[in-house]
Amino acid sequence: MVNKIQHLQFKKMLTLYENALKRLPPHPLAVTKNKIVLKETFIELLTNFTNNESLKNELWNEIEKNYASKKRHYHTLQHLGNLLAQLTDVKSEIQN
């Protein structure tokens, strides 16, 4: 049986492990997949507002250019992709 101290130690170790994983560079294929999913989702959402494919691609290119800037250290395309993945996981629990 796990006592409270062991449980807290486990939670602390798990947090340290998760933080260490966050510092690892992402696998290149995962970054590419996230970027593709992010773009597809963005284009799909824009379809609610315009059917102009050129405009949708132009807007995506602007986002991609700005979020891929070397000056960005945290709010990057990878960060947006991670947020989208997390929101997708809980989509059924989100209420308008």
Protein backbone atom coordinates (compact mmCIF):
# COMPACT_ATOMS: atom_id res chain seq x y z
CA MET A 1 0.00 0.00 0.00
CA VAL A 2 1.31 3.43 -0.96
CA ASN A 3 1.38 5.91 1.85
CA LYS A 4 0.94 9.67 1.50
CA ILE A 5 4.68 10.42 1.55
CA GLN A 6 5.38 7.86 -1.20
CA HIS A 7 2.51 9.31 -3.23
CA LEU A 8 3.90 12.85 -2.91
CA GLN A 9 7.40 11.63 -3.81
CA PHE A 10 6.01 9.90 -6.88
CA LYS A 11 4.12 13.04 -7.94
CA LYS A 12 7.30 15.09 -7.52
CA MET A 13 9.33 12.62 -9.59
CA LEU A 14 6.63 12.57 -12.26
CA THR A 15 6.64 16.37 -12.44
CA LEU A 16 10.44 16.42 -12.75
CA TYR A 17 10.26 13.80 -15.51
CA GLU A 18 7.55 15.71 -17.40
CA ASN A 19 9.56 18.94 -17.14
CA ALA A 20 12.66 17.16 -18.43
CA LEU A 21 10.68 15.82 -21.40
CA LYS A 22 9.48 19.32 -22.22
CA ARG A 23 13.10 20.46 -22.54
CA LEU A 24 13.95 17.76 -25.07
CA PRO A 25 13.92 18.89 -28.67
CA PRO A 26 10.89 17.54 -30.51
CA HIS A 27 11.29 14.86 -33.12
CA PRO A 28 11.37 16.50 -36.60
CA LEU A 29 8.52 14.33 -37.89
CA ALA A 30 6.34 15.29 -34.94
CA VAL A 31 6.99 18.98 -35.63
CA THR A 32 6.09 18.53 -39.30
CA LYS A 33 2.91 16.62 -38.46
CA ASN A 34 1.87 19.25 -35.89
CA LYS A 35 2.48 22.00 -38.42
CA ILE A 36 0.38 20.22 -41.07
CA VAL A 37 -2.49 19.61 -38.64
CA LEU A 38 -2.29 23.20 -37.41
CA LYS A 39 -2.44 24.54 -40.98
CA GLU A 40 -5.31 22.23 -41.94
CA THR A 41 -7.27 23.27 -38.85
CA PHE A 42 -6.63 26.96 -39.50
CA ILE A 43 -7.71 26.66 -43.15
CA GLU A 44 -10.81 24.67 -42.14
CA LEU A 45 -11.81 27.32 -39.58
CA LEU A 46 -11.30 30.11 -42.11
CA THR A 47 -13.67 28.35 -44.48
CA ASN A 48 -16.47 29.56 -42.18
CA PHE A 49 -15.56 33.12 -43.19
CA THR A 50 -14.24 32.92 -46.76
CA ASN A 51 -13.90 30.54 -49.69
CA ASN A 52 -10.97 32.50 -51.09
CA GLU A 53 -8.18 29.89 -51.08
CA SER A 54 -5.56 32.49 -51.93
CA LEU A 55 -6.54 34.61 -48.92
CA LYS A 56 -6.57 31.59 -46.58
CA ASN A 57 -3.08 30.57 -47.72
CA GLU A 58 -1.83 34.15 -47.47
CA LEU A 59 -3.08 34.40 -43.89
CA TRP A 60 -1.53 31.05 -42.97
CA ASN A 61 1.80 32.11 -44.53
CA GLU A 62 1.73 35.26 -42.40
CA ILE A 63 1.13 33.24 -39.23
CA GLU A 64 3.80 30.72 -40.18
CA LYS A 65 6.33 33.46 -40.94
CA ASN A 66 5.72 35.31 -37.66
CA TYR A 67 5.52 32.27 -35.40
CA ALA A 68 8.67 30.74 -36.94
CA SER A 69 10.69 33.89 -36.28
CA LYS A 70 14.05 33.33 -34.59
CA LYS A 71 13.02 35.98 -32.04
CA ARG A 72 10.27 33.72 -30.74
CA HIS A 73 11.37 31.37 -28.01
CA TYR A 74 8.10 30.08 -26.59
CA HIS A 75 5.05 31.16 -28.59
CA THR A 76 6.03 29.26 -31.73
CA LEU A 77 4.22 27.06 -34.24
CA GLN A 78 5.18 24.11 -32.07
CA HIS A 79 3.51 25.79 -29.09
CA LEU A 80 0.36 26.45 -31.11
CA GLY A 81 0.39 22.83 -32.29
CA ASN A 82 0.71 21.61 -28.72
CA LEU A 83 -2.21 23.80 -27.63
CA LEU A 84 -4.32 22.50 -30.50
CA ALA A 85 -3.49 18.90 -29.56
CA GLN A 86 -4.42 19.50 -25.93
CA LEU A 87 -7.68 21.21 -26.88
CA THR A 88 -8.52 18.43 -29.32
CA ASP A 89 -8.11 15.92 -26.47
CA VAL A 90 -10.74 17.72 -24.39
CA LYS A 91 -12.94 18.99 -27.22
CA SER A 92 -15.93 16.95 -26.08
CA GLU A 93 -15.73 18.57 -22.63
CA ILE A 94 -15.68 22.16 -23.93
CA GLN A 95 -18.97 24.02 -23.75
CA ASN A 96 -19.84 27.12 -25.72
